[in-house]
């Protein structure tokens, strides 16, 4: 694939060339969910996806990750479903690898 076809675009118009560009925010402590945000601070969608995890023996353990349908549909329309799916899955894999799972585990209180 050429570099141009690896580009994902948010419906707000922001081109995302690398998974490093997404903002990853851990606000939903009680839901054990990490938000994946558009790098454009004025994006009207803002949240593009999520990473869910669970706590096992005091450690955060990845559970699932997904991008939300409007983001997926937008890119499928632009690139075709197969190409968009491949790029988006790769972006999620790379986002998951970069999360500081030790820190997430320490900062998350397990429900009693």
Protein backbone atom coordinates (compact mmCIF):
# COMPACT_ATOMS: atom_id res chain seq x y z
CA UNK A 1 0.00 0.00 0.00
CA UNK A 2 1.21 3.46 -0.71
CA UNK A 3 1.37 6.07 2.04
CA UNK A 4 -1.62 7.95 0.60
CA UNK A 5 -3.93 4.94 0.94
CA UNK A 6 -2.83 4.40 4.56
CA UNK A 7 -4.40 7.70 5.48
CA UNK A 8 -7.54 7.59 7.56
CA UNK A 9 -9.81 10.60 7.76
CA UNK A 10 -12.15 11.72 10.49
CA UNK A 11 -15.52 13.03 9.22
CA UNK A 12 -14.41 16.45 10.58
CA UNK A 13 -11.81 16.49 7.79
CA UNK A 14 -8.68 15.73 9.86
CA UNK A 15 -6.33 13.33 8.08
CA UNK A 16 -4.75 10.74 10.41
CA UNK A 17 -1.57 9.31 8.94
CA UNK A 18 -0.34 7.42 11.99
CA UNK A 19 -1.91 5.76 15.07
CA UNK A 20 0.39 8.00 17.15
CA UNK A 21 -1.79 10.98 16.20
CA UNK A 22 -4.92 9.86 18.07
CA UNK A 23 -5.44 11.20 21.56
CA UNK A 24 -5.95 8.48 24.14
CA UNK A 25 -7.79 9.55 27.28
CA UNK A 26 -8.58 7.55 30.42
CA UNK A 27 -11.61 9.31 31.92
CA UNK A 28 -14.10 6.50 32.32
CA UNK A 29 -12.43 4.78 35.28
CA UNK A 30 -15.63 3.15 36.57
CA UNK A 31 -16.38 1.72 33.10
CA UNK A 32 -12.78 0.52 32.64
CA UNK A 33 -12.69 2.22 29.26
CA UNK A 34 -10.12 4.34 27.48
CA UNK A 35 -11.37 6.81 24.86
CA UNK A 36 -9.71 7.13 21.46
CA UNK A 37 -10.16 10.74 20.34
CA UNK A 38 -9.71 12.62 17.09
CA UNK A 39 -6.48 14.66 17.10
CA UNK A 40 -8.50 17.72 15.98
CA UNK A 41 -9.44 19.61 19.15
CA UNK A 42 -12.43 21.19 17.41
CA UNK A 43 -13.79 17.89 15.99
CA UNK A 44 -17.55 17.59 16.33
CA UNK A 45 -17.39 13.80 16.79
CA UNK A 46 -14.44 13.91 19.21
CA UNK A 47 -14.66 10.25 20.33
CA UNK A 48 -13.73 7.89 17.52
CA UNK A 49 -13.50 4.66 19.49
CA UNK A 50 -12.60 2.95 22.75
CA UNK A 51 -10.39 0.37 24.41
CA UNK A 52 -11.98 -1.70 27.19
CA UNK A 53 -10.07 -3.64 29.79
CA UNK A 54 -10.58 -5.56 33.00
CA UNK A 55 -8.56 -5.84 36.17
CA UNK A 56 -7.15 -9.26 37.01
CA UNK A 57 -4.98 -9.69 40.11
CA UNK A 58 -4.44 -5.93 40.26
CA UNK A 59 -3.29 -5.70 36.64
CA UNK A 60 -5.09 -4.16 33.67
CA UNK A 61 -5.81 -6.73 30.98
CA UNK A 62 -7.00 -5.78 27.48
CA UNK A 63 -10.57 -6.89 26.76
CA UNK A 64 -11.73 -5.29 23.48
CA UNK A 65 -11.26 -2.26 21.25
CA UNK A 66 -13.32 -0.75 18.49
CA UNK A 67 -13.88 2.36 16.45
CA UNK A 68 -17.42 3.74 16.38
CA UNK A 69 -19.62 3.18 13.29
CA UNK A 70 -19.63 6.78 11.95
CA UNK A 71 -15.81 6.77 11.75
CA UNK A 72 -15.68 3.29 10.19
CA UNK A 73 -18.47 4.05 7.70
CA UNK A 74 -16.86 7.33 6.65
CA UNK A 75 -13.57 5.60 5.86
CA UNK A 76 -15.24 2.60 4.23
CA UNK A 77 -17.01 4.99 1.86
CA UNK A 78 -13.73 6.69 1.00
CA UNK A 79 -11.40 3.69 0.78
CA UNK A 80 -13.64 0.64 0.41
CA UNK A 81 -14.54 -1.60 3.34
CA UNK A 82 -11.65 -4.06 3.06
CA UNK A 83 -8.94 -1.38 2.90
CA UNK A 84 -10.51 0.73 5.68
CA UNK A 85 -11.00 -2.32 7.93
CA UNK A 86 -7.35 -3.37 7.51
CA UNK A 87 -5.99 0.10 8.28
CA UNK A 88 -8.35 0.71 11.24
CA UNK A 89 -7.55 -2.68 12.80
CA UNK A 90 -3.86 -1.92 12.47
CA UNK A 91 -4.39 1.49 14.10
CA UNK A 92 -6.21 -0.14 17.03
CA UNK A 93 -3.46 -2.75 17.47
CA UNK A 94 -0.82 -0.04 17.61
CA UNK A 95 -2.86 2.10 20.02
CA UNK A 96 -3.29 -0.91 22.35
CA UNK A 97 0.46 -1.60 22.32
CA UNK A 98 1.26 1.99 23.38
CA UNK A 99 -1.08 2.07 26.38
CA UNK A 100 0.76 1.99 29.71
CA UNK A 101 -1.12 -1.04 31.08
CA UNK A 102 0.87 -1.09 34.36
CA UNK A 103 -0.12 2.49 35.09
CA UNK A 104 -3.77 1.85 34.15
CA UNK A 105 -3.83 -1.11 36.54
CA UNK A 106 -2.45 1.00 39.39
CA UNK A 107 -4.86 3.88 38.76
CA UNK A 108 -7.98 1.72 38.54
CA UNK A 109 -9.88 0.84 41.66
CA UNK A 110 -11.57 -2.53 41.39
CA UNK A 111 -15.26 -2.55 42.35
CA UNK A 112 -15.86 -4.08 45.77
